[in-house]
Amino acid sequence: MKNVYVVRHCKADGQEPDAKLTELGIQQAENLAKFLLDKDIDFIISSPFERAYRTIAPLAEQIGIEVVLDDRLAERLLSSKNHPDWRDMLRKTYDDLDICYEGGESSNTAMSRAISVVMEVLNGGNKNIVLVSHGNLISLLLKHFDDRIGFREWESLSNPDVFHLTFSGENKPNIHRVWTE
C-alpha cells in the first residue's frame, strides 16, 4: 500500500511563480507540518513555485528530507491573456477536457503531466509521499481518478488543503479530504 498526500499550497500574496506566502500562510505551513509529522513521510515532491515549496519546507526541515522540485506540478495556465470571465472559461474546461485557450493548456494536457508525476512516485520505492501543487492542477489530478470532481470541487478547495490518496495495488486510489482547517 502507498499513500500520497496531495497538498495545495498555503495562503500566498499572488499567483506569480515567485509569490511568497503571507504571514497567515507561513503559520499555515507550520500547522501543516504538525499535521503531517506522524505520517512517516519518506518523499516530498513539489511545484517549483515559491508558495508551493515554502508550504512544505517546515515539514521537510523537521523530518530531514529534501524537497524535490518538479515543473510538471506547476499551476496550469488557462490562457496567456487576462480575461474578466476566466471563471466561466475555467468551468468549461471541466466539461470539455480538450478546450485550450490561447497560450494556455487544456485540462487533458495538464492532467497528464500531473498524473505522470503520481505514476512515477508510485513506481518508486517510497511508501508515504507528499505532493505539493496548485488548486486547478490538483482538482484535475483528482478528476483523473474520480470523474465526479469538477469546477465545484475546485471552488471548494482551501489554502492549504490536503487529500489522502491510498493506493493498494490498483491505479484507482481511495480519496479522502483530510484537511479540516
Protein backbone atom coordinates (compact mmCIF):
# COMPACT_ATOMS: atom_id res chain seq x y z
CA MET A 1 0.00 0.00 0.00
CA LYS A 2 1.18 3.51 -0.82
CA ASN A 3 -0.07 6.83 0.49
CA VAL A 4 0.09 10.04 -1.49
CA TYR A 5 -0.80 13.23 0.36
CA VAL A 6 -1.76 15.80 -2.26
CA VAL A 7 -1.27 19.26 -0.76
CA ARG A 8 -2.49 22.60 -2.07
CA HIS A 9 -0.17 25.42 -1.08
CA CYS A 10 -0.88 27.77 1.83
CA LYS A 11 -2.12 31.37 1.51
CA ALA A 12 0.09 33.45 -0.77
CA ASP A 13 0.27 37.08 -1.82
CA GLY A 14 -0.28 36.40 -5.52
CA GLN A 15 -0.35 33.96 -8.42
CA GLU A 16 3.09 34.60 -9.87
CA PRO A 17 5.68 31.81 -9.64
CA ASP A 18 7.67 33.83 -7.07
CA ALA A 19 4.66 34.90 -4.96
CA LYS A 20 5.52 34.48 -1.30
CA LEU A 21 3.43 33.02 1.49
CA THR A 22 1.55 35.59 3.55
CA GLU A 23 2.08 35.78 7.32
CA LEU A 24 -1.02 33.57 7.66
CA GLY A 25 0.42 31.24 5.02
CA ILE A 26 3.66 30.87 6.99
CA GLN A 27 1.66 29.89 10.09
CA GLN A 28 -0.44 27.51 8.00
CA ALA A 29 2.76 25.84 6.75
CA GLU A 30 3.82 25.25 10.37
CA ASN A 31 0.38 23.78 11.15
CA LEU A 32 0.59 21.59 8.06
CA ALA A 33 3.97 20.27 9.20
CA LYS A 34 2.43 19.28 12.56
CA PHE A 35 -0.48 17.63 10.75
CA LEU A 36 1.80 15.52 8.52
CA LEU A 37 4.55 14.84 11.07
CA ASP A 38 3.22 11.43 12.17
CA LYS A 39 2.54 10.14 8.63
CA ASP A 40 6.03 8.61 8.13
CA ILE A 41 6.65 10.73 5.05
CA ASP A 42 9.61 9.39 3.08
CA PHE A 43 9.43 11.51 -0.11
CA ILE A 44 8.37 15.08 -0.87
CA ILE A 45 7.86 16.47 -4.37
CA SER A 46 6.65 19.98 -5.11
CA SER A 47 5.84 22.54 -7.75
CA PRO A 48 8.83 24.85 -8.19
CA PHE A 49 6.60 27.88 -7.43
CA GLU A 50 7.77 29.52 -4.21
CA ARG A 51 4.37 29.34 -2.49
CA ALA A 52 4.30 25.57 -3.05
CA TYR A 53 7.74 24.58 -1.81
CA ARG A 54 7.61 27.05 1.09
CA THR A 55 4.36 25.36 2.13
CA ILE A 56 6.14 22.07 2.74
CA ALA A 57 9.57 23.40 3.82
CA PRO A 58 8.78 23.27 7.58
CA LEU A 59 7.90 19.56 7.37
CA ALA A 60 10.93 18.78 5.20
CA GLU A 61 13.22 20.50 7.69
CA GLN A 62 11.69 18.70 10.67
CA ILE A 63 11.99 15.22 9.15
CA GLY A 64 15.26 15.85 7.29
CA ILE A 65 14.01 15.21 3.75
CA GLU A 66 14.95 17.25 0.71
CA VAL A 67 12.07 18.69 -1.33
CA VAL A 68 12.30 17.57 -4.95
CA LEU A 69 11.05 20.30 -7.31
CA ASP A 70 9.22 19.21 -10.46
CA ASP A 71 8.00 21.58 -13.19
CA ARG A 72 5.17 19.17 -14.00
CA LEU A 73 3.50 20.23 -10.74
CA ALA A 74 3.42 23.94 -11.66
CA GLU A 75 -0.01 25.53 -11.90
CA ARG A 76 -1.94 25.09 -15.10
CA LEU A 77 -2.00 28.12 -17.37
CA LEU A 78 -5.58 28.66 -18.56
CA SER A 79 -4.66 31.37 -21.08
CA SER A 80 -1.78 33.70 -21.78
CA LYS A 81 -4.24 36.62 -21.77
CA ASN A 82 -6.17 38.02 -18.82
CA HIS A 83 -9.91 37.53 -19.23
CA PRO A 84 -12.57 39.05 -16.94
CA ASP A 85 -14.67 35.91 -17.49
CA TRP A 86 -11.85 33.49 -16.62
CA ARG A 87 -14.04 31.59 -14.14
CA ASP A 88 -16.57 30.75 -16.86
CA MET A 89 -13.72 29.77 -19.15
CA LEU A 90 -12.31 27.52 -16.44
CA ARG A 91 -15.74 25.94 -15.78
CA LYS A 92 -15.96 24.92 -19.44
CA THR A 93 -12.60 23.14 -19.25
CA TYR A 94 -14.04 20.67 -16.72
CA ASP A 95 -16.84 19.76 -19.13
CA ASP A 96 -14.66 19.60 -22.24
CA LEU A 97 -11.20 18.45 -21.22
CA ASP A 98 -9.74 19.31 -24.63
CA ILE A 99 -10.62 23.03 -24.65
CA CYS A 100 -7.42 25.00 -24.99
CA TYR A 101 -7.45 28.79 -24.84
CA GLU A 102 -4.81 30.99 -26.48
CA GLY A 103 -1.41 30.37 -24.93
CA GLY A 104 -2.95 28.02 -22.35
CA GLU A 105 -3.10 24.35 -21.60
CA SER A 106 -6.07 22.00 -21.95
CA SER A 107 -7.33 20.10 -18.92
CA ASN A 108 -6.20 16.83 -20.51
CA THR A 109 -2.67 18.13 -21.06
CA ALA A 110 -2.39 19.45 -17.50
CA MET A 111 -3.92 16.29 -16.08
CA SER A 112 -1.47 14.11 -18.00
CA ARG A 113 1.59 15.88 -16.62
CA ALA A 114 0.28 15.70 -13.04
CA ILE A 115 -0.60 12.02 -13.37
CA SER A 116 2.85 11.26 -14.81
CA VAL A 117 4.33 12.51 -11.52
CA VAL A 118 1.94 10.36 -9.46
CA MET A 119 2.75 7.26 -11.52
CA GLU A 120 6.49 7.85 -11.12
CA VAL A 121 6.25 8.16 -7.34
CA LEU A 122 4.02 5.09 -7.16
CA ASN A 123 6.62 3.10 -9.09
CA GLY A 124 9.41 4.31 -6.80
CA GLY A 125 10.44 2.75 -3.54
CA ASN A 126 8.70 5.24 -1.26
CA LYS A 127 5.50 4.48 0.64
CA ASN A 128 4.35 7.81 2.09
CA ILE A 129 4.65 10.66 -0.35
CA VAL A 130 3.74 14.34 -0.15
CA LEU A 131 2.99 16.04 -3.47
CA VAL A 132 2.54 19.84 -3.35
CA SER A 133 0.85 21.75 -6.14
CA HIS A 134 -1.87 24.26 -7.01
CA GLY A 135 -5.66 24.24 -6.93
CA ASN A 136 -6.54 23.81 -10.58
CA LEU A 137 -3.91 21.16 -11.22
CA ILE A 138 -4.84 19.28 -8.04
CA SER A 139 -8.52 19.26 -9.00
CA LEU A 140 -7.59 17.83 -12.40
CA LEU A 141 -5.35 15.20 -10.81
CA LEU A 142 -8.24 14.16 -8.56
CA LYS A 143 -10.64 14.22 -11.53
CA HIS A 144 -8.43 11.68 -13.29
CA PHE A 145 -9.23 9.21 -10.51
CA ASP A 146 -12.83 10.35 -9.88
CA ASP A 147 -14.70 11.87 -12.82
CA ARG A 148 -17.28 13.42 -10.46
CA ILE A 149 -14.69 16.03 -9.47
CA GLY A 150 -15.09 19.26 -11.37
CA PHE A 151 -15.43 23.02 -11.16
CA ARG A 152 -17.50 23.00 -7.96
CA GLU A 153 -14.89 20.89 -6.17
CA TRP A 154 -12.14 23.23 -7.39
CA GLU A 155 -14.11 26.17 -5.96
CA SER A 156 -14.37 24.45 -2.58
CA LEU A 157 -10.62 23.90 -2.17
CA SER A 158 -8.98 25.74 0.70
CA ASN A 159 -5.44 27.09 1.14
CA PRO A 160 -3.92 24.84 2.27
CA ASP A 161 -5.82 21.66 1.51
CA VAL A 162 -4.81 18.01 1.80
CA PHE A 163 -6.17 14.92 0.09
CA HIS A 164 -5.05 11.45 1.12
CA LEU A 165 -4.86 9.03 -1.80
CA THR A 166 -4.45 5.40 -0.74
CA PHE A 167 -3.21 3.05 -3.45
CA SER A 168 -3.41 -0.66 -2.67
CA GLY A 169 -2.30 -2.49 -5.78
CA GLU A 170 -4.55 -0.87 -8.37
CA ASN A 171 -4.19 2.52 -10.00
CA LYS A 172 -7.53 3.79 -8.65
CA PRO A 173 -7.00 5.09 -5.13
CA ASN A 174 -9.35 5.75 -2.27
CA ILE A 175 -9.52 9.56 -2.00
CA HIS A 176 -10.22 11.35 1.27
CA ARG A 177 -10.03 15.05 2.01
CA VAL A 178 -8.19 15.12 5.33
CA TRP A 179 -7.57 18.83 5.91
CA THR A 180 -10.22 20.42 8.13
CA GLU A 181 -8.89 23.86 8.99
